[in-house]
């Protein structure tokens, strides 16, 4: 489960990096930056929904705040 969550988080960061690359290269002239940012938002929402579903199904457990 940790590997899956970490890999999706890496995909989010790669999408953010590609958006920065397209922004610097194209100077905002093309839609590549918008597509990369939309993909990042999609990955983030999918990860959030997956975490909620995994918690509800008992695949992961919350540990609470440790002092």
PDB file of N, CA and C in Angstrom:
ATOM      1  N   UNK A   1       0.823  -1.185   0.000  1.00  0.00           N
ATOM      2  CA  UNK A   1       0.000   0.000   0.000  1.00  0.00           C
ATOM      3  C   UNK A   1       0.871   1.253   0.000  1.00  0.00           C
ATOM      4  N   UNK A   2       1.955   1.218   0.764  1.00  0.00           N
ATOM      5  CA  UNK A   2       2.854   2.381   0.800  1.00  0.00           C
ATOM      6  C   UNK A   2       3.484   2.651  -0.547  1.00  0.00           C
ATOM      7  N   UNK A   3       3.816   1.590  -1.268  1.00  0.00           N
ATOM      8  CA  UNK A   3       4.440   1.753  -2.578  1.00  0.00           C
ATOM      9  C   UNK A   3       3.452   2.380  -3.553  1.00  0.00           C
ATOM     10  N   UNK A   4       2.207   1.971  -3.500  1.00  0.00           N
ATOM     11  CA  UNK A   4       1.185   2.532  -4.381  1.00  0.00           C
ATOM     12  C   UNK A   4       0.972   4.019  -4.100  1.00  0.00           C
ATOM     13  N   UNK A   5       0.855   4.372  -2.840  1.00  0.00           N
ATOM     14  CA  UNK A   5       0.644   5.773  -2.470  1.00  0.00           C
ATOM     15  C   UNK A   5       1.860   6.610  -2.832  1.00  0.00           C
ATOM     16  N   UNK A   6       3.048   6.092  -2.584  1.00  0.00           N
ATOM     17  CA  UNK A   6       4.269   6.830  -2.920  1.00  0.00           C
ATOM     18  C   UNK A   6       4.422   7.009  -4.430  1.00  0.00           C
ATOM     19  N   UNK A   7       4.054   5.996  -5.200  1.00  0.00           N
ATOM     20  CA  UNK A   7       4.179   6.112  -6.652  1.00  0.00           C
ATOM     21  C   UNK A   7       3.195   7.135  -7.221  1.00  0.00           C
ATOM     22  N   UNK A   8       1.983   7.190  -6.680  1.00  0.00           N
ATOM     23  CA  UNK A   8       1.027   8.205  -7.133  1.00  0.00           C
ATOM     24  C   UNK A   8       1.510   9.592  -6.729  1.00  0.00           C
ATOM     25  N   UNK A   9       2.088   9.723  -5.540  1.00  0.00           N
ATOM     26  CA  UNK A   9       2.636  11.006  -5.111  1.00  0.00           C
ATOM     27  C   UNK A   9       3.780  11.440  -6.019  1.00  0.00           C
ATOM     28  N   UNK A  10       4.605  10.505  -6.453  1.00  0.00           N
ATOM     29  CA  UNK A  10       5.694  10.823  -7.396  1.00  0.00           C
ATOM     30  C   UNK A  10       5.120  11.249  -8.740  1.00  0.00           C
ATOM     31  N   UNK A  11       4.046  10.604  -9.182  1.00  0.00           N
ATOM     32  CA  UNK A  11       3.381  11.033 -10.422  1.00  0.00           C
ATOM     33  C   UNK A  11       2.855  12.460 -10.308  1.00  0.00           C
ATOM     34  N   UNK A  12       2.336  12.814  -9.144  1.00  0.00           N
ATOM     35  CA  UNK A  12       1.857  14.181  -8.926  1.00  0.00           C
ATOM     36  C   UNK A  12       3.018  15.166  -9.047  1.00  0.00           C
ATOM     37  N   UNK A  13       4.135  14.844  -8.431  1.00  0.00           N
ATOM     38  CA  UNK A  13       5.297  15.735  -8.497  1.00  0.00           C
ATOM     39  C   UNK A  13       5.866  15.825  -9.912  1.00  0.00           C
ATOM     40  N   UNK A  14       5.880  14.708 -10.643  1.00  0.00           N
ATOM     41  CA  UNK A  14       6.369  14.735 -12.021  1.00  0.00           C
ATOM     42  C   UNK A  14       5.461  15.576 -12.913  1.00  0.00           C
ATOM     43  N   UNK A  15       4.173  15.499 -12.681  1.00  0.00           N
ATOM     44  CA  UNK A  15       3.244  16.310 -13.451  1.00  0.00           C
ATOM     45  C   UNK A  15       3.440  17.793 -13.151  1.00  0.00           C
ATOM     46  N   UNK A  16       3.689  18.116 -11.903  1.00  0.00           N
ATOM     47  CA  UNK A  16       3.959  19.502 -11.531  1.00  0.00           C
ATOM     48  C   UNK A  16       5.254  19.985 -12.166  1.00  0.00           C
ATOM     49  N   UNK A  17       6.269  19.129 -12.197  1.00  0.00           N
ATOM     50  CA  UNK A  17       7.535  19.475 -12.844  1.00  0.00           C
ATOM     51  C   UNK A  17       7.387  19.663 -14.344  1.00  0.00           C
ATOM     52  N   UNK A  18       6.583  18.829 -14.979  1.00  0.00           N
ATOM     53  CA  UNK A  18       6.389  18.985 -16.416  1.00  0.00           C
ATOM     54  C   UNK A  18       5.607  20.255 -16.723  1.00  0.00           C
ATOM     55  N   UNK A  19       4.695  20.635 -15.835  1.00  0.00           N
ATOM     56  CA  UNK A  19       3.977  21.900 -16.029  1.00  0.00           C
ATOM     57  C   UNK A  19       4.944  23.074 -15.951  1.00  0.00           C
ATOM     58  N   UNK A  20       5.880  23.029 -15.015  1.00  0.00           N
ATOM     59  CA  UNK A  20       6.888  24.079 -14.922  1.00  0.00           C
ATOM     60  C   UNK A  20       7.760  24.106 -16.165  1.00  0.00           C
ATOM     61  N   UNK A  21       8.139  22.930 -16.657  1.00  0.00           N
ATOM     62  CA  UNK A  21       8.956  22.849 -17.867  1.00  0.00           C
ATOM     63  C   UNK A  21       8.233  23.465 -19.063  1.00  0.00           C
ATOM     64  N   UNK A  22       6.966  23.096 -19.252  1.00  0.00           N
ATOM     65  CA  UNK A  22       6.205  23.651 -20.375  1.00  0.00           C
ATOM     66  C   UNK A  22       5.974  25.150 -20.217  1.00  0.00           C
ATOM     67  N   UNK A  23       5.797  25.608 -18.989  1.00  0.00           N
ATOM     68  CA  UNK A  23       5.604  27.034 -18.761  1.00  0.00           C
ATOM     69  C   UNK A  23       6.851  27.813 -19.126  1.00  0.00           C
ATOM     70  N   UNK A  24       8.008  27.286 -18.771  1.00  0.00           N
ATOM     71  CA  UNK A  24       9.263  27.983 -19.078  1.00  0.00           C
ATOM     72  C   UNK A  24       9.611  27.885 -20.566  1.00  0.00           C
ATOM     73  N   UNK A  25       9.325  26.747 -21.184  1.00  0.00           N
ATOM     74  CA  UNK A  25       9.703  26.555 -22.583  1.00  0.00           C
ATOM     75  C   UNK A  25       8.748  27.265 -23.538  1.00  0.00           C
ATOM     76  N   UNK A  26       7.445  27.124 -23.317  1.00  0.00           N
ATOM     77  CA  UNK A  26       6.459  27.671 -24.247  1.00  0.00           C
ATOM     78  C   UNK A  26       6.032  29.089 -23.907  1.00  0.00           C
ATOM     79  N   UNK A  27       6.389  29.558 -22.718  1.00  0.00           N
ATOM     80  CA  UNK A  27       5.979  30.886 -22.243  1.00  0.00           C
ATOM     81  C   UNK A  27       4.463  31.018 -22.203  1.00  0.00           C
ATOM     82  N   UNK A  28       3.771  29.921 -21.967  1.00  0.00           N
ATOM     83  CA  UNK A  28       2.322  29.948 -21.863  1.00  0.00           C
ATOM     84  C   UNK A  28       1.591  30.025 -23.188  1.00  0.00           C
ATOM     85  N   UNK A  29       2.295  29.804 -24.301  1.00  0.00           N
ATOM     86  CA  UNK A  29       1.659  29.920 -25.613  1.00  0.00           C
ATOM     87  C   UNK A  29       0.826  28.689 -25.972  1.00  0.00           C
ATOM     88  N   UNK A  30       1.129  27.549 -25.394  1.00  0.00           N
ATOM     89  CA  UNK A  30       0.384  26.330 -25.731  1.00  0.00           C
ATOM     90  C   UNK A  30      -0.429  25.870 -24.524  1.00  0.00           C
ATOM     91  N   UNK A  31      -1.213  24.836 -24.727  1.00  0.00           N
ATOM     92  CA  UNK A  31      -2.058  24.287 -23.661  1.00  0.00           C
ATOM     93  C   UNK A  31      -1.363  23.187 -22.869  1.00  0.00           C
ATOM     94  N   UNK A  32      -0.077  22.970 -23.109  1.00  0.00           N
ATOM     95  CA  UNK A  32       0.623  21.891 -22.419  1.00  0.00           C
ATOM     96  C   UNK A  32       0.685  22.119 -20.907  1.00  0.00           C
ATOM     97  N   UNK A  33       0.878  23.361 -20.501  1.00  0.00           N
ATOM     98  CA  UNK A  33       0.935  23.665 -19.072  1.00  0.00           C
ATOM     99  C   UNK A  33      -0.410  23.375 -18.409  1.00  0.00           C
ATOM    100  N   UNK A  34      -1.479  23.779 -19.061  1.00  0.00           N
ATOM    101  CA  UNK A  34      -2.817  23.562 -18.508  1.00  0.00           C
ATOM    102  C   UNK A  34      -3.118  22.080 -18.416  1.00  0.00           C
ATOM    103  N   UNK A  35      -2.746  21.326 -19.431  1.00  0.00           N
ATOM    104  CA  UNK A  35      -2.977  19.873 -19.404  1.00  0.00           C
ATOM    105  C   UNK A  35      -2.205  19.205 -18.280  1.00  0.00           C
ATOM    106  N   UNK A  36      -0.936  19.613 -18.090  1.00  0.00           N
ATOM    107  CA  UNK A  36      -0.118  19.017 -17.028  1.00  0.00           C
ATOM    108  C   UNK A  36      -0.680  19.356 -15.650  1.00  0.00           C
ATOM    109  N   UNK A  37      -1.145  20.579 -15.471  1.00  0.00           N
ATOM    110  CA  UNK A  37      -1.731  20.954 -14.181  1.00  0.00           C
ATOM    111  C   UNK A  37      -3.069  20.259 -13.952  1.00  0.00           C
ATOM    112  N   UNK A  38      -3.846  20.081 -15.005  1.00  0.00           N
ATOM    113  CA  UNK A  38      -5.110  19.356 -14.874  1.00  0.00           C
ATOM    114  C   UNK A  38      -4.852  17.892 -14.522  1.00  0.00           C
ATOM    115  N   UNK A  39      -3.816  17.323 -15.090  1.00  0.00           N
ATOM    116  CA  UNK A  39      -3.444  15.948 -14.769  1.00  0.00           C
ATOM    117  C   UNK A  39      -3.016  15.841 -13.306  1.00  0.00           C
ATOM    118  N   UNK A  40      -2.282  16.844 -12.826  1.00  0.00           N
ATOM    119  CA  UNK A  40      -1.862  16.857 -11.427  1.00  0.00           C
ATOM    120  C   UNK A  40      -3.066  16.932 -10.496  1.00  0.00           C
ATOM    121  N   UNK A  41      -4.031  17.758 -10.832  1.00  0.00           N
ATOM    122  CA  UNK A  41      -5.241  17.860 -10.012  1.00  0.00           C
ATOM    123  C   UNK A  41      -6.008  16.541 -10.036  1.00  0.00           C
ATOM    124  N   UNK A  42      -6.077  15.914 -11.195  1.00  0.00           N
ATOM    125  CA  UNK A  42      -6.747  14.614 -11.300  1.00  0.00           C
ATOM    126  C   UNK A  42      -6.071  13.546 -10.463  1.00  0.00           C
ATOM    127  N   UNK A  43      -4.737  13.498 -10.505  1.00  0.00           N
ATOM    128  CA  UNK A  43      -3.997  12.536  -9.674  1.00  0.00           C
ATOM    129  C   UNK A  43      -4.228  12.817  -8.192  1.00  0.00           C
ATOM    130  N   UNK A  44      -4.249  14.085  -7.808  1.00  0.00           N
ATOM    131  CA  UNK A  44      -4.432  14.445  -6.402  1.00  0.00           C
ATOM    132  C   UNK A  44      -5.821  14.039  -5.912  1.00  0.00           C
ATOM    133  N   UNK A  45      -6.839  14.304  -6.711  1.00  0.00           N
ATOM    134  CA  UNK A  45      -8.205  13.925  -6.324  1.00  0.00           C
ATOM    135  C   UNK A  45      -8.338  12.412  -6.264  1.00  0.00           C
ATOM    136  N   UNK A  46      -7.747  11.714  -7.231  1.00  0.00           N
ATOM    137  CA  UNK A  46      -7.807  10.247  -7.238  1.00  0.00           C
ATOM    138  C   UNK A  46      -7.108   9.667  -6.010  1.00  0.00           C
ATOM    139  N   UNK A  47      -5.959  10.228  -5.640  1.00  0.00           N
ATOM    140  CA  UNK A  47      -5.257   9.747  -4.450  1.00  0.00           C
ATOM    141  C   UNK A  47      -6.075   9.998  -3.195  1.00  0.00           C
ATOM    142  N   UNK A  48      -6.679  11.169  -3.089  1.00  0.00           N
ATOM    143  CA  UNK A  48      -7.501  11.498  -1.927  1.00  0.00           C
ATOM    144  C   UNK A  48      -8.691  10.546  -1.809  1.00  0.00           C
ATOM    145  N   UNK A  49      -9.384  10.313  -2.914  1.00  0.00           N
ATOM    146  CA  UNK A  49     -10.529   9.401  -2.889  1.00  0.00           C
ATOM    147  C   UNK A  49     -10.106   7.965  -2.590  1.00  0.00           C
ATOM    148  N   UNK A  50      -8.948   7.563  -3.115  1.00  0.00           N
ATOM    149  CA  UNK A  50      -8.439   6.222  -2.832  1.00  0.00           C
ATOM    150  C   UNK A  50      -8.117   6.066  -1.346  1.00  0.00           C
ATOM    151  N   UNK A  51      -7.520   7.101  -0.746  1.00  0.00           N
ATOM    152  CA  UNK A  51      -7.200   7.022   0.676  1.00  0.00           C
ATOM    153  C   UNK A  51      -8.462   6.938   1.530  1.00  0.00           C
ATOM    154  N   UNK A  52      -9.478   7.686   1.159  1.00  0.00           N
ATOM    155  CA  UNK A  52     -10.744   7.611   1.901  1.00  0.00           C
ATOM    156  C   UNK A  52     -11.363   6.221   1.754  1.00  0.00           C
ATOM    157  N   UNK A  53     -11.386   5.696   0.534  1.00  0.00           N
ATOM    158  CA  UNK A  53     -11.962   4.369   0.306  1.00  0.00           C
ATOM    159  C   UNK A  53     -11.159   3.282   1.018  1.00  0.00           C
ATOM    160  N   UNK A  54      -9.841   3.378   0.980  1.00  0.00           N
ATOM    161  CA  UNK A  54      -9.002   2.378   1.643  1.00  0.00           C
ATOM    162  C   UNK A  54      -9.198   2.403   3.152  1.00  0.00           C
ATOM    163  N   UNK A  55      -9.400   3.580   3.708  1.00  0.00           N
ATOM    164  CA  UNK A  55      -9.657   3.664   5.146  1.00  0.00           C
ATOM    165  C   UNK A  55     -11.022   3.074   5.484  1.00  0.00           C
ATOM    166  N   UNK A  56     -12.025   3.361   4.668  1.00  0.00           N
ATOM    167  CA  UNK A  56     -13.366   2.842   4.922  1.00  0.00           C
ATOM    168  C   UNK A  56     -13.416   1.315   4.777  1.00  0.00           C
ATOM    169  N   UNK A  57     -12.621   0.778   3.860  1.00  0.00           N
ATOM    170  CA  UNK A  57     -12.608  -0.667   3.640  1.00  0.00           C
ATOM    171  C   UNK A  57     -11.691  -1.408   4.613  1.00  0.00           C
ATOM    172  N   UNK A  58     -10.948  -0.661   5.417  1.00  0.00           N
ATOM    173  CA  UNK A  58     -10.084  -1.281   6.407  1.00  0.00           C
ATOM    174  C   UNK A  58      -8.722  -1.675   5.879  1.00  0.00           C
ATOM    175  N   UNK A  59      -8.366  -1.217   4.693  1.00  0.00           N
ATOM    176  CA  UNK A  59      -7.054  -1.547   4.140  1.00  0.00           C
ATOM    177  C   UNK A  59      -5.943  -0.788   4.840  1.00  0.00           C
ATOM    178  N   UNK A  60      -6.253   0.418   5.301  1.00  0.00           N
ATOM    179  CA  UNK A  60      -5.304   1.214   6.066  1.00  0.00           C
ATOM    180  C   UNK A  60      -5.998   1.692   7.325  1.00  0.00           C
ATOM    181  N   UNK A  61      -5.227   1.941   8.364  1.00  0.00           N
ATOM    182  CA  UNK A  61      -5.775   2.404   9.636  1.00  0.00           C
ATOM    183  C   UNK A  61      -5.099   3.703  10.025  1.00  0.00           C
ATOM    184  N   UNK A  62      -5.857   4.573  10.668  1.00  0.00           N
ATOM    185  CA  UNK A  62      -5.261   5.798  11.167  1.00  0.00           C
ATOM    186  C   UNK A  62      -4.541   5.506  12.464  1.00  0.00           C
ATOM    187  N   UNK A  63      -3.438   6.187  12.685  1.00  0.00           N
ATOM    188  CA  UNK A  63      -2.657   5.950  13.890  1.00  0.00           C
ATOM    189  C   UNK A  63      -2.848   7.049  14.911  1.00  0.00           C
ATOM    190  N   UNK A  64      -3.491   8.136  14.525  1.00  0.00           N
ATOM    191  CA  UNK A  64      -3.712   9.232  15.463  1.00  0.00           C
ATOM    192  C   UNK A  64      -2.461  10.069  15.614  1.00  0.00           C
ATOM    193  N   UNK A  65      -2.541  11.035  16.490  1.00  0.00           N
ATOM    194  CA  UNK A  65      -1.400  11.913  16.748  1.00  0.00           C
ATOM    195  C   UNK A  65      -0.613  11.341  17.904  1.00  0.00           C
ATOM    196  N   UNK A  66       0.671  11.178  17.698  1.00  0.00           N
ATOM    197  CA  UNK A  66       1.544  10.654  18.747  1.00  0.00           C
ATOM    198  C   UNK A  66       2.357  11.799  19.329  1.00  0.00           C
ATOM    199  N   UNK A  67       2.406  11.864  20.638  1.00  0.00           N
ATOM    200  CA  UNK A  67       3.136  12.942  21.303  1.00  0.00           C
ATOM    201  C   UNK A  67       4.556  12.549  21.578  1.00  0.00           C
TER     202      UNK A  67
END
